Amino acid sequence: MPTRLVREFPLFPLGIVALPGEIVPLHIFEERYKAMIERCLRSGGEFGIVWLSDDGLRPVGCACEVTEVLERMEDGRLNLLARGTRPFRIVEREERLPWPAGTVEFLEDRDEAADAQALETARETYALLVEQATERRPDAGELGEMGAYAMAATVDFGHDAKQGLLDLRSENARLRLVTRLFRAASKRLELVSRAQARARSNGKVRFT
């Protein structure tokens, strides 16, 4: 398959990681980003959220589209919702536009057979975590439509974990990773629950 390159793709370096399918609230206040978003709104085009980590700008980001403008202020600031669409890799930074931009390559997953067991395990582990956190099990129909990105987008993982998912070009590998992440989150919730129970009992276990 030929490489698909897009030039002058608007980039939004932020201290977050977005995933395909994830809804991201944004407050746009810098002049260059206000201009960038206005162009995206006029054209219906995408922009790319890229994690600006302590180690610098990560090469793989997530394209996003504006789904709703929540508030438009008199000075041009915007509150909006964006939805992640597809991963990309920055090939080259470009400095010609008034906002950050670059030549990007949209990334495709490797051609591989789906691992039904990995998918089933990930969905069940996710359902157990949601039930543990909310006391409500996800709807079976909704769960049956969810892949790794969709499940991960609803859980507050750290940036490194989300970037790790975004960097993988295998859905099977992403399913195995989210399963490990869901299990780790479940253990943390269990520890918090135990600590809270001990605090309520003044640190003593009650048998009556």
N, C-alpha and C. Protein backbone atom coordinates (compact mmCIF):
# COMPACT_ATOMS: atom_id res chain seq x y z
N MET A 1 0.84 -1.18 0.00
CA MET A 1 0.00 0.00 0.00
C MET A 1 0.89 1.24 0.00
N PRO A 2 0.63 2.22 -0.88
CA PRO A 2 1.47 3.41 -0.93
C PRO A 2 1.33 4.23 0.33
N THR A 3 2.42 4.90 0.70
CA THR A 3 2.41 5.75 1.88
C THR A 3 1.53 6.97 1.61
N ARG A 4 0.67 7.29 2.55
CA ARG A 4 -0.21 8.43 2.39
C ARG A 4 0.34 9.58 3.21
N LEU A 5 0.87 10.58 2.52
CA LEU A 5 1.43 11.75 3.19
C LEU A 5 0.50 12.94 3.01
N VAL A 6 0.34 13.71 4.06
CA VAL A 6 -0.44 14.94 4.00
C VAL A 6 0.45 16.07 4.47
N ARG A 7 0.58 17.10 3.65
CA ARG A 7 1.43 18.24 3.97
C ARG A 7 0.61 19.34 4.63
N GLU A 8 1.29 20.18 5.39
CA GLU A 8 0.67 21.31 6.08
C GLU A 8 -0.49 20.87 6.97
N PHE A 9 -0.31 19.73 7.64
CA PHE A 9 -1.35 19.22 8.54
C PHE A 9 -1.24 19.98 9.87
N PRO A 10 -2.32 20.61 10.34
CA PRO A 10 -2.25 21.40 11.58
C PRO A 10 -1.94 20.51 12.78
N LEU A 11 -1.02 20.94 13.61
CA LEU A 11 -0.62 20.18 14.79
C LEU A 11 -0.90 20.98 16.06
N PHE A 12 -1.37 20.29 17.09
CA PHE A 12 -1.68 20.92 18.36
C PHE A 12 -0.91 20.18 19.46
N PRO A 13 0.33 20.61 19.76
CA PRO A 13 1.10 19.98 20.84
C PRO A 13 0.45 20.29 22.19
N LEU A 14 0.17 19.24 22.95
CA LEU A 14 -0.49 19.40 24.24
C LEU A 14 0.10 18.43 25.26
N GLY A 15 -0.23 18.65 26.51
CA GLY A 15 0.22 17.74 27.56
C GLY A 15 -0.73 16.58 27.76
N ILE A 16 -1.38 16.13 26.70
CA ILE A 16 -2.31 15.00 26.76
C ILE A 16 -2.06 14.08 25.58
N VAL A 17 -2.63 12.89 25.66
CA VAL A 17 -2.63 11.94 24.55
C VAL A 17 -4.08 11.65 24.20
N ALA A 18 -4.43 11.78 22.93
CA ALA A 18 -5.78 11.46 22.46
C ALA A 18 -5.74 10.12 21.73
N LEU A 19 -6.84 9.39 21.80
CA LEU A 19 -6.97 8.11 21.11
C LEU A 19 -8.10 8.18 20.09
N PRO A 20 -8.03 7.40 19.02
CA PRO A 20 -9.15 7.34 18.08
C PRO A 20 -10.45 6.97 18.81
N GLY A 21 -11.48 7.75 18.56
CA GLY A 21 -12.77 7.52 19.20
C GLY A 21 -12.96 8.26 20.50
N GLU A 22 -11.89 8.80 21.07
CA GLU A 22 -11.98 9.49 22.35
C GLU A 22 -12.52 10.91 22.15
N ILE A 23 -13.41 11.34 23.05
CA ILE A 23 -13.91 12.70 23.05
C ILE A 23 -13.02 13.54 23.97
N VAL A 24 -12.46 14.62 23.42
CA VAL A 24 -11.50 15.44 24.15
C VAL A 24 -12.04 16.87 24.27
N PRO A 25 -12.26 17.38 25.50
CA PRO A 25 -12.65 18.79 25.66
C PRO A 25 -11.41 19.68 25.55
N LEU A 26 -11.55 20.77 24.80
CA LEU A 26 -10.42 21.69 24.60
C LEU A 26 -10.86 23.12 24.83
N HIS A 27 -9.97 23.89 25.44
CA HIS A 27 -10.16 25.34 25.58
C HIS A 27 -9.11 26.01 24.71
N ILE A 28 -9.54 26.71 23.68
CA ILE A 28 -8.64 27.32 22.71
C ILE A 28 -8.52 28.81 23.02
N PHE A 29 -7.29 29.24 23.37
CA PHE A 29 -7.14 30.65 23.77
C PHE A 29 -5.97 31.34 23.08
N GLU A 30 -4.94 30.60 22.63
CA GLU A 30 -3.83 31.26 21.92
C GLU A 30 -4.28 31.65 20.51
N GLU A 31 -3.78 32.82 20.06
CA GLU A 31 -4.22 33.35 18.76
C GLU A 31 -3.95 32.35 17.63
N ARG A 32 -2.77 31.73 17.62
CA ARG A 32 -2.44 30.83 16.52
C ARG A 32 -3.36 29.61 16.49
N TYR A 33 -3.76 29.13 17.65
CA TYR A 33 -4.64 27.97 17.68
C TYR A 33 -6.09 28.35 17.43
N LYS A 34 -6.46 29.58 17.81
CA LYS A 34 -7.79 30.06 17.44
C LYS A 34 -7.91 30.11 15.91
N ALA A 35 -6.87 30.63 15.25
CA ALA A 35 -6.88 30.70 13.79
C ALA A 35 -6.88 29.30 13.18
N MET A 36 -6.12 28.39 13.76
CA MET A 36 -6.06 27.02 13.25
C MET A 36 -7.42 26.33 13.34
N ILE A 37 -8.06 26.46 14.50
CA ILE A 37 -9.36 25.81 14.69
C ILE A 37 -10.42 26.45 13.79
N GLU A 38 -10.37 27.76 13.63
CA GLU A 38 -11.33 28.42 12.74
C GLU A 38 -11.20 27.88 11.32
N ARG A 39 -9.97 27.65 10.87
CA ARG A 39 -9.80 27.09 9.53
C ARG A 39 -10.36 25.68 9.46
N CYS A 40 -10.12 24.89 10.51
CA CYS A 40 -10.66 23.53 10.54
C CYS A 40 -12.19 23.54 10.52
N LEU A 41 -12.78 24.50 11.24
CA LEU A 41 -14.24 24.59 11.26
C LEU A 41 -14.79 24.97 9.90
N ARG A 42 -14.10 25.88 9.21
CA ARG A 42 -14.58 26.29 7.88
C ARG A 42 -14.46 25.16 6.86
N SER A 43 -13.37 24.41 6.96
CA SER A 43 -13.10 23.38 5.95
C SER A 43 -13.63 22.01 6.33
N GLY A 44 -13.96 21.83 7.63
CA GLY A 44 -14.34 20.51 8.09
C GLY A 44 -13.16 19.58 8.22
N GLY A 45 -11.95 20.15 8.21
CA GLY A 45 -10.74 19.34 8.24
C GLY A 45 -10.32 18.94 9.65
N GLU A 46 -9.34 18.06 9.69
CA GLU A 46 -8.81 17.56 10.96
C GLU A 46 -7.60 18.37 11.40
N PHE A 47 -7.26 18.21 12.67
CA PHE A 47 -5.98 18.68 13.21
C PHE A 47 -5.43 17.55 14.06
N GLY A 48 -4.15 17.64 14.42
CA GLY A 48 -3.53 16.54 15.14
C GLY A 48 -3.12 16.92 16.55
N ILE A 49 -3.58 16.15 17.54
CA ILE A 49 -3.09 16.32 18.90
C ILE A 49 -1.85 15.45 19.08
N VAL A 50 -0.78 16.08 19.52
CA VAL A 50 0.49 15.37 19.73
C VAL A 50 0.93 15.64 21.16
N TRP A 51 1.35 14.58 21.84
CA TRP A 51 1.76 14.72 23.24
C TRP A 51 3.11 15.42 23.33
N LEU A 52 3.11 16.58 24.02
CA LEU A 52 4.34 17.30 24.32
C LEU A 52 4.81 16.83 25.70
N SER A 53 5.60 15.77 25.72
CA SER A 53 6.03 15.16 26.98
C SER A 53 7.28 15.86 27.50
N ASP A 54 7.73 15.44 28.68
CA ASP A 54 8.96 16.00 29.23
C ASP A 54 10.17 15.70 28.34
N ASP A 55 10.06 14.66 27.52
CA ASP A 55 11.14 14.28 26.61
C ASP A 55 11.00 14.93 25.23
N GLY A 56 10.01 15.79 25.08
CA GLY A 56 9.81 16.44 23.79
C GLY A 56 8.55 15.97 23.10
N LEU A 57 8.37 16.45 21.87
CA LEU A 57 7.18 16.13 21.09
C LEU A 57 7.25 14.70 20.58
N ARG A 58 6.24 13.90 20.89
CA ARG A 58 6.22 12.52 20.42
C ARG A 58 5.92 12.47 18.92
N PRO A 59 6.51 11.53 18.18
CA PRO A 59 6.33 11.50 16.73
C PRO A 59 4.97 10.99 16.28
N VAL A 60 4.30 10.22 17.13
CA VAL A 60 2.99 9.66 16.75
C VAL A 60 1.90 10.38 17.52
N GLY A 61 0.91 10.89 16.78
CA GLY A 61 -0.21 11.59 17.40
C GLY A 61 -1.52 11.06 16.88
N CYS A 62 -2.60 11.74 17.25
CA CYS A 62 -3.94 11.32 16.84
C CYS A 62 -4.65 12.48 16.16
N ALA A 63 -5.11 12.25 14.95
CA ALA A 63 -5.90 13.25 14.26
C ALA A 63 -7.25 13.39 14.95
N CYS A 64 -7.79 14.61 14.94
CA CYS A 64 -9.06 14.88 15.61
C CYS A 64 -9.93 15.75 14.71
N GLU A 65 -11.23 15.65 14.93
CA GLU A 65 -12.17 16.53 14.27
C GLU A 65 -13.04 17.20 15.33
N VAL A 66 -13.40 18.45 15.09
CA VAL A 66 -14.27 19.17 16.02
C VAL A 66 -15.68 18.62 15.87
N THR A 67 -16.25 18.16 16.98
CA THR A 67 -17.61 17.63 16.94
C THR A 67 -18.65 18.63 17.43
N GLU A 68 -18.21 19.54 18.32
CA GLU A 68 -19.17 20.52 18.84
C GLU A 68 -18.43 21.71 19.43
N VAL A 69 -18.88 22.90 19.07
CA VAL A 69 -18.39 24.12 19.72
C VAL A 69 -19.33 24.41 20.88
N LEU A 70 -18.82 24.31 22.08
CA LEU A 70 -19.65 24.49 23.27
C LEU A 70 -19.88 25.96 23.60
N GLU A 71 -18.83 26.77 23.39
CA GLU A 71 -18.91 28.19 23.75
C GLU A 71 -17.93 28.97 22.90
N ARG A 72 -18.42 30.07 22.38
CA ARG A 72 -17.56 30.98 21.60
C ARG A 72 -17.59 32.34 22.30
N MET A 73 -16.44 32.80 22.78
CA MET A 73 -16.39 34.04 23.54
C MET A 73 -16.07 35.24 22.65
N GLU A 74 -16.33 36.43 23.16
CA GLU A 74 -16.18 37.64 22.36
C GLU A 74 -14.76 37.84 21.87
N ASP A 75 -13.78 37.41 22.66
CA ASP A 75 -12.38 37.59 22.26
C ASP A 75 -11.87 36.45 21.37
N GLY A 76 -12.78 35.59 20.93
CA GLY A 76 -12.39 34.52 20.01
C GLY A 76 -12.02 33.21 20.67
N ARG A 77 -11.94 33.20 22.00
CA ARG A 77 -11.64 31.94 22.68
C ARG A 77 -12.80 30.96 22.47
N LEU A 78 -12.44 29.67 22.47
CA LEU A 78 -13.44 28.63 22.20
C LEU A 78 -13.34 27.53 23.24
N ASN A 79 -14.49 27.01 23.63
CA ASN A 79 -14.57 25.75 24.33
C ASN A 79 -15.25 24.77 23.38
N LEU A 80 -14.61 23.65 23.15
CA LEU A 80 -15.14 22.72 22.16
C LEU A 80 -14.88 21.29 22.54
N LEU A 81 -15.54 20.40 21.83
CA LEU A 81 -15.29 18.97 21.94
C LEU A 81 -14.71 18.48 20.62
N ALA A 82 -13.64 17.70 20.71
CA ALA A 82 -13.05 17.09 19.53
C ALA A 82 -13.05 15.57 19.71
N ARG A 83 -13.10 14.87 18.60
CA ARG A 83 -13.09 13.40 18.64
C ARG A 83 -11.88 12.88 17.88
N GLY A 84 -11.13 11.99 18.53
CA GLY A 84 -10.00 11.38 17.86
C GLY A 84 -10.45 10.51 16.70
N THR A 85 -9.72 10.55 15.59
CA THR A 85 -10.13 9.80 14.40
C THR A 85 -9.13 8.71 13.99
N ARG A 86 -7.83 9.05 13.85
CA ARG A 86 -6.87 8.08 13.32
C ARG A 86 -5.45 8.50 13.70
N PRO A 87 -4.57 7.53 13.88
CA PRO A 87 -3.19 7.85 14.27
C PRO A 87 -2.37 8.31 13.08
N PHE A 88 -1.35 9.09 13.36
CA PHE A 88 -0.44 9.54 12.31
C PHE A 88 0.96 9.67 12.88
N ARG A 89 1.93 9.74 11.99
CA ARG A 89 3.32 9.96 12.37
C ARG A 89 3.81 11.23 11.72
N ILE A 90 4.51 12.06 12.49
CA ILE A 90 5.08 13.29 11.93
C ILE A 90 6.32 12.93 11.13
N VAL A 91 6.31 13.24 9.85
CA VAL A 91 7.46 12.98 8.98
C VAL A 91 8.41 14.16 9.01
N GLU A 92 7.84 15.37 9.01
CA GLU A 92 8.66 16.58 8.98
C GLU A 92 7.85 17.74 9.54
N ARG A 93 8.48 18.56 10.36
CA ARG A 93 7.83 19.77 10.84
C ARG A 93 7.89 20.85 9.77
N GLU A 94 6.85 21.70 9.71
CA GLU A 94 6.78 22.78 8.73
C GLU A 94 6.55 24.09 9.48
N GLU A 95 7.19 25.14 9.00
CA GLU A 95 7.14 26.43 9.70
C GLU A 95 6.47 27.52 8.87
N ARG A 96 5.85 27.18 7.75
CA ARG A 96 5.31 28.21 6.85
C ARG A 96 3.98 28.79 7.32
N LEU A 97 3.23 28.05 8.10
CA LEU A 97 1.90 28.48 8.50
C LEU A 97 1.94 29.25 9.82
N PRO A 98 0.87 29.99 10.14
CA PRO A 98 0.85 30.76 11.39
C PRO A 98 0.74 29.88 12.63
N TRP A 99 0.47 28.59 12.46
CA TRP A 99 0.33 27.66 13.57
C TRP A 99 1.24 26.46 13.32
N PRO A 100 1.52 25.65 14.33
CA PRO A 100 2.37 24.47 14.10
C PRO A 100 1.74 23.53 13.08
N ALA A 101 2.59 23.00 12.21
CA ALA A 101 2.10 22.10 11.16
C ALA A 101 3.22 21.16 10.76
N GLY A 102 2.87 20.18 9.96
CA GLY A 102 3.89 19.24 9.51
C GLY A 102 3.38 18.36 8.39
N THR A 103 4.31 17.67 7.76
CA THR A 103 3.96 16.60 6.84
C THR A 103 3.77 15.35 7.68
N VAL A 104 2.60 14.72 7.55
CA VAL A 104 2.29 13.56 8.38
C VAL A 104 1.94 12.37 7.49
N GLU A 105 2.16 11.19 8.06
CA GLU A 105 1.78 9.94 7.42
C GLU A 105 0.71 9.28 8.28
N PHE A 106 -0.46 9.04 7.72
CA PHE A 106 -1.50 8.34 8.45
C PHE A 106 -1.16 6.85 8.51
N LEU A 107 -1.33 6.28 9.69
CA LEU A 107 -0.81 4.94 9.96
C LEU A 107 -1.91 3.89 9.90
N GLU A 108 -1.58 2.76 9.30
CA GLU A 108 -2.51 1.64 9.21
C GLU A 108 -1.99 0.48 10.04
N ASP A 109 -2.91 -0.33 10.54
CA ASP A 109 -2.50 -1.52 11.27
C ASP A 109 -1.94 -2.57 10.32
N ARG A 110 -1.10 -3.44 10.89
CA ARG A 110 -0.60 -4.58 10.11
C ARG A 110 -1.77 -5.49 9.72
N ASP A 111 -1.62 -6.15 8.59
CA ASP A 111 -2.63 -7.11 8.14
C ASP A 111 -2.43 -8.41 8.91
N GLU A 112 -3.34 -8.71 9.84
CA GLU A 112 -3.18 -9.89 10.67
C GLU A 112 -4.55 -10.46 11.01
N ALA A 113 -4.59 -11.73 11.36
CA ALA A 113 -5.84 -12.37 11.75
C ALA A 113 -6.25 -11.87 13.14
N ALA A 114 -7.55 -11.64 13.31
CA ALA A 114 -8.04 -11.18 14.60
C ALA A 114 -7.92 -12.29 15.63
N ASP A 115 -7.49 -11.94 16.83
CA ASP A 115 -7.37 -12.89 17.93
C ASP A 115 -8.65 -12.80 18.76
N ALA A 116 -9.59 -13.73 18.50
CA ALA A 116 -10.89 -13.69 19.16
C ALA A 116 -10.77 -13.84 20.67
N GLN A 117 -9.82 -14.66 21.12
CA GLN A 117 -9.64 -14.86 22.56
C GLN A 117 -9.13 -13.58 23.23
N ALA A 118 -8.19 -12.89 22.57
CA ALA A 118 -7.68 -11.63 23.12
C ALA A 118 -8.78 -10.59 23.23
N LEU A 119 -9.66 -10.55 22.23
CA LEU A 119 -10.77 -9.60 22.24
C LEU A 119 -11.75 -9.93 23.36
N GLU A 120 -12.10 -11.21 23.50
CA GLU A 120 -13.04 -11.62 24.54
C GLU A 120 -12.48 -11.33 25.93
N THR A 121 -11.19 -11.64 26.12
CA THR A 121 -10.56 -11.40 27.43
C THR A 121 -10.52 -9.91 27.75
N ALA A 122 -10.16 -9.09 26.76
CA ALA A 122 -10.10 -7.65 26.99
C ALA A 122 -11.46 -7.09 27.36
N ARG A 123 -12.49 -7.51 26.63
CA ARG A 123 -13.84 -6.99 26.90
C ARG A 123 -14.33 -7.42 28.29
N GLU A 124 -14.08 -8.67 28.67
CA GLU A 124 -14.53 -9.14 29.97
C GLU A 124 -13.77 -8.44 31.09
N THR A 125 -12.46 -8.25 30.91
CA THR A 125 -11.67 -7.55 31.93
C THR A 125 -12.12 -6.10 32.06
N TYR A 126 -12.42 -5.48 30.95
CA TYR A 126 -12.93 -4.11 30.94
C TYR A 126 -14.28 -4.04 31.64
N ALA A 127 -15.18 -4.98 31.33
CA ALA A 127 -16.51 -4.98 31.94
C ALA A 127 -16.42 -5.13 33.46
N LEU A 128 -15.52 -5.99 33.92
CA LEU A 128 -15.34 -6.17 35.35
C LEU A 128 -14.82 -4.89 36.02
N LEU A 129 -13.91 -4.20 35.34
CA LEU A 129 -13.37 -2.95 35.89
C LEU A 129 -14.47 -1.89 35.98
N VAL A 130 -15.26 -1.75 34.92
CA VAL A 130 -16.34 -0.76 34.93
C VAL A 130 -17.34 -1.08 36.04
N GLU A 131 -17.69 -2.36 36.17
CA GLU A 131 -18.63 -2.76 37.21
C GLU A 131 -18.06 -2.49 38.60
N GLN A 132 -16.77 -2.72 38.76
CA GLN A 132 -16.12 -2.47 40.04
C GLN A 132 -16.13 -0.98 40.38
N ALA A 133 -15.93 -0.14 39.36
CA ALA A 133 -15.82 1.31 39.58
C ALA A 133 -17.18 1.99 39.69
N THR A 134 -18.19 1.47 38.99
CA THR A 134 -19.47 2.17 38.90
C THR A 134 -20.65 1.37 39.42
N GLU A 135 -20.42 0.08 39.75
CA GLU A 135 -21.49 -0.83 40.16
C GLU A 135 -22.51 -1.03 39.04
N ARG A 136 -22.07 -0.82 37.82
CA ARG A 136 -22.95 -1.06 36.66
C ARG A 136 -22.14 -1.72 35.56
N ARG A 137 -22.62 -2.87 35.10
CA ARG A 137 -21.92 -3.56 34.03
C ARG A 137 -22.28 -2.93 32.68
N PRO A 138 -21.30 -2.76 31.79
CA PRO A 138 -21.59 -2.16 30.49
C PRO A 138 -22.65 -2.95 29.73
N ASP A 139 -23.43 -2.25 28.95
CA ASP A 139 -24.43 -2.89 28.10
C ASP A 139 -23.76 -3.87 27.15
N ALA A 140 -24.33 -5.07 27.05
CA ALA A 140 -23.71 -6.13 26.23
C ALA A 140 -23.58 -5.72 24.77
N GLY A 141 -24.60 -5.05 24.26
CA GLY A 141 -24.55 -4.63 22.86
C GLY A 141 -23.47 -3.59 22.62
N GLU A 142 -23.37 -2.63 23.53
CA GLU A 142 -22.33 -1.60 23.42
C GLU A 142 -20.94 -2.21 23.56
N LEU A 143 -20.80 -3.12 24.53
CA LEU A 143 -19.51 -3.78 24.75
C LEU A 143 -19.08 -4.58 23.53
N GLY A 144 -20.06 -5.19 22.86
CA GLY A 144 -19.75 -6.02 21.69
C GLY A 144 -19.23 -5.25 20.49
N GLU A 145 -19.35 -3.92 20.55
CA GLU A 145 -18.86 -3.08 19.45
C GLU A 145 -17.50 -2.45 19.77
N MET A 146 -16.99 -2.66 20.97
CA MET A 146 -15.81 -1.93 21.42
C MET A 146 -14.52 -2.68 21.13
N GLY A 147 -13.56 -1.95 20.54
CA GLY A 147 -12.21 -2.46 20.38
C GLY A 147 -11.30 -1.86 21.44
N ALA A 148 -10.00 -2.04 21.28
CA ALA A 148 -9.04 -1.59 22.28
C ALA A 148 -9.11 -0.08 22.49
N TYR A 149 -9.11 0.69 21.41
CA TYR A 149 -9.15 2.14 21.54
C TYR A 149 -10.41 2.60 22.28
N ALA A 150 -11.56 2.05 21.89
CA ALA A 150 -12.83 2.49 22.47
C ALA A 150 -12.87 2.21 23.96
N MET A 151 -12.38 1.06 24.37
CA MET A 151 -12.37 0.74 25.80
C MET A 151 -11.40 1.64 26.54
N ALA A 152 -10.21 1.79 26.01
CA ALA A 152 -9.18 2.58 26.69
C ALA A 152 -9.57 4.05 26.79
N ALA A 153 -10.36 4.55 25.84
CA ALA A 153 -10.74 5.96 25.83
C ALA A 153 -11.62 6.34 27.01
N THR A 154 -12.23 5.34 27.67
CA THR A 154 -13.14 5.63 28.78
C THR A 154 -12.47 5.47 30.15
N VAL A 155 -11.20 5.10 30.16
CA VAL A 155 -10.48 4.87 31.41
C VAL A 155 -9.34 5.89 31.52
N ASP A 156 -9.15 6.42 32.72
CA ASP A 156 -8.14 7.47 32.92
C ASP A 156 -6.77 6.84 33.16
N PHE A 157 -6.12 6.42 32.07
CA PHE A 157 -4.77 5.90 32.15
C PHE A 157 -3.77 7.05 32.15
N GLY A 158 -2.53 6.75 32.48
CA GLY A 158 -1.47 7.74 32.36
C GLY A 158 -1.12 7.97 30.90
N HIS A 159 -0.42 9.07 30.64
CA HIS A 159 -0.07 9.42 29.27
C HIS A 159 0.83 8.38 28.61
N ASP A 160 1.76 7.82 29.37
CA ASP A 160 2.67 6.82 28.80
C ASP A 160 1.90 5.61 28.30
N ALA A 161 0.92 5.17 29.08
CA ALA A 161 0.13 4.00 28.68
C ALA A 161 -0.67 4.29 27.41
N LYS A 162 -1.29 5.47 27.36
CA LYS A 162 -2.07 5.81 26.17
C LYS A 162 -1.19 5.97 24.94
N GLN A 163 -0.01 6.57 25.13
CA GLN A 163 0.90 6.72 24.01
C GLN A 163 1.36 5.35 23.52
N GLY A 164 1.58 4.43 24.46
CA GLY A 164 1.95 3.07 24.08
C GLY A 164 0.91 2.42 23.19
N LEU A 165 -0.37 2.63 23.51
CA LEU A 165 -1.44 2.10 22.67
C LEU A 165 -1.43 2.75 21.29
N LEU A 166 -1.23 4.06 21.28
CA LEU A 166 -1.25 4.79 20.00
C LEU A 166 -0.10 4.37 19.11
N ASP A 167 1.02 3.98 19.70
CA ASP A 167 2.21 3.61 18.92
C ASP A 167 2.09 2.23 18.28
N LEU A 168 1.21 1.37 18.82
CA LEU A 168 1.12 -0.01 18.33
C LEU A 168 0.34 -0.07 17.01
N ARG A 169 0.84 -0.88 16.10
CA ARG A 169 0.18 -1.04 14.81
C ARG A 169 -0.48 -2.42 14.70
N SER A 170 -0.90 -2.94 15.81
CA SER A 170 -1.56 -4.25 15.86
C SER A 170 -2.70 -4.17 16.86
N GLU A 171 -3.94 -4.45 16.40
CA GLU A 171 -5.07 -4.46 17.31
C GLU A 171 -4.93 -5.58 18.34
N ASN A 172 -4.40 -6.72 17.92
CA ASN A 172 -4.20 -7.81 18.88
C ASN A 172 -3.25 -7.39 20.00
N ALA A 173 -2.18 -6.69 19.63
CA ALA A 173 -1.23 -6.22 20.64
C ALA A 173 -1.88 -5.18 21.55
N ARG A 174 -2.71 -4.31 20.98
CA ARG A 174 -3.40 -3.30 21.80
C ARG A 174 -4.37 -3.98 22.77
N LEU A 175 -5.05 -5.03 22.33
CA LEU A 175 -5.98 -5.75 23.21
C LEU A 175 -5.24 -6.38 24.38
N ARG A 176 -4.08 -6.95 24.11
CA ARG A 176 -3.31 -7.55 25.20
C ARG A 176 -2.82 -6.48 26.17
N LEU A 177 -2.43 -5.31 25.63
CA LEU A 177 -1.96 -4.24 26.50
C LEU A 177 -3.09 -3.69 27.36
N VAL A 178 -4.26 -3.44 26.77
CA VAL A 178 -5.35 -2.88 27.58
C VAL A 178 -5.81 -3.88 28.63
N THR A 179 -5.73 -5.16 28.34
CA THR A 179 -6.09 -6.17 29.34
C THR A 179 -5.19 -6.04 30.56
N ARG A 180 -3.89 -5.88 30.33
CA ARG A 180 -2.95 -5.69 31.45
C ARG A 180 -3.25 -4.39 32.20
N LEU A 181 -3.56 -3.35 31.45
CA LEU A 181 -3.86 -2.06 32.08
C LEU A 181 -5.15 -2.12 32.90
N PHE A 182 -6.17 -2.80 32.37
CA PHE A 182 -7.43 -2.92 33.10
C PHE A 182 -7.24 -3.72 34.39
N ARG A 183 -6.45 -4.78 34.32
CA ARG A 183 -6.20 -5.59 35.51
C ARG A 183 -5.46 -4.79 36.57
N ALA A 184 -4.47 -3.99 36.12
CA ALA A 184 -3.72 -3.16 37.07
C ALA A 184 -4.63 -2.12 37.71
N ALA A 185 -5.53 -1.53 36.91
CA ALA A 185 -6.46 -0.52 37.44
C ALA A 185 -7.42 -1.16 38.43
N SER A 186 -7.85 -2.39 38.15
CA SER A 186 -8.75 -3.10 39.05
C SER A 186 -8.08 -3.36 40.40
N LYS A 187 -6.81 -3.73 40.37
CA LYS A 187 -6.07 -3.96 41.62
C LYS A 187 -5.94 -2.67 42.42
N ARG A 188 -5.71 -1.55 41.72
CA ARG A 188 -5.60 -0.27 42.42
C ARG A 188 -6.92 0.11 43.08
N LEU A 189 -8.03 -0.13 42.37
CA LEU A 189 -9.34 0.15 42.95
C LEU A 189 -9.60 -0.70 44.18
N GLU A 190 -9.17 -1.95 44.11
CA GLU A 190 -9.36 -2.85 45.24
C GLU A 190 -8.57 -2.38 46.45
N LEU A 191 -7.34 -1.93 46.21
CA LEU A 191 -6.51 -1.42 47.31
C LEU A 191 -7.12 -0.16 47.92
N VAL A 192 -7.63 0.73 47.08
CA VAL A 192 -8.27 1.96 47.58
C VAL A 192 -9.49 1.60 48.41
N SER A 193 -10.28 0.65 47.91
CA SER A 193 -11.48 0.23 48.62
C SER A 193 -11.14 -0.33 50.00
N ARG A 194 -10.08 -1.14 50.06
CA ARG A 194 -9.66 -1.71 51.34
C ARG A 194 -9.17 -0.62 52.29
N ALA A 195 -8.40 0.35 51.75
CA ALA A 195 -7.90 1.45 52.59
C ALA A 195 -9.04 2.27 53.15
N GLN A 196 -10.05 2.53 52.34
CA GLN A 196 -11.20 3.30 52.80
C GLN A 196 -11.98 2.55 53.87
N ALA A 197 -12.09 1.23 53.68
CA ALA A 197 -12.80 0.42 54.68
C ALA A 197 -12.05 0.44 56.01
N ARG A 198 -10.73 0.38 55.95
CA ARG A 198 -9.93 0.42 57.18
C ARG A 198 -10.05 1.78 57.85
N ALA A 199 -10.08 2.84 57.04
CA ALA A 199 -10.20 4.17 57.61
C ALA A 199 -11.54 4.34 58.33
N ARG A 200 -12.59 3.77 57.76
CA ARG A 200 -13.92 3.89 58.38
C ARG A 200 -13.98 3.11 59.70
N SER A 201 -13.15 2.06 59.80
CA SER A 201 -13.18 1.24 61.03
C SER A 201 -12.03 1.59 61.98
N ASN A 202 -11.44 2.78 61.77
CA ASN A 202 -10.31 3.22 62.60
C ASN A 202 -9.13 2.26 62.53
N GLY A 203 -8.98 1.61 61.39
CA GLY A 203 -7.84 0.73 61.18
C GLY A 203 -8.04 -0.65 61.79
N LYS A 204 -9.20 -0.91 62.39
CA LYS A 204 -9.44 -2.20 63.01
C LYS A 204 -10.45 -3.00 62.19
N VAL A 205 -10.22 -4.27 62.09
CA VAL A 205 -11.15 -5.15 61.39
C VAL A 205 -12.25 -5.55 62.35
N ARG A 206 -13.49 -5.32 61.97
CA ARG A 206 -14.61 -5.62 62.85
C ARG A 206 -15.20 -6.99 62.48
N PHE A 207 -15.47 -7.78 63.48
CA PHE A 207 -16.05 -9.10 63.26
C PHE A 207 -17.50 -9.18 63.72
N THR A 208 -18.02 -8.10 64.28
CA THR A 208 -19.41 -8.11 64.74
C THR A 208 -20.18 -6.95 64.12
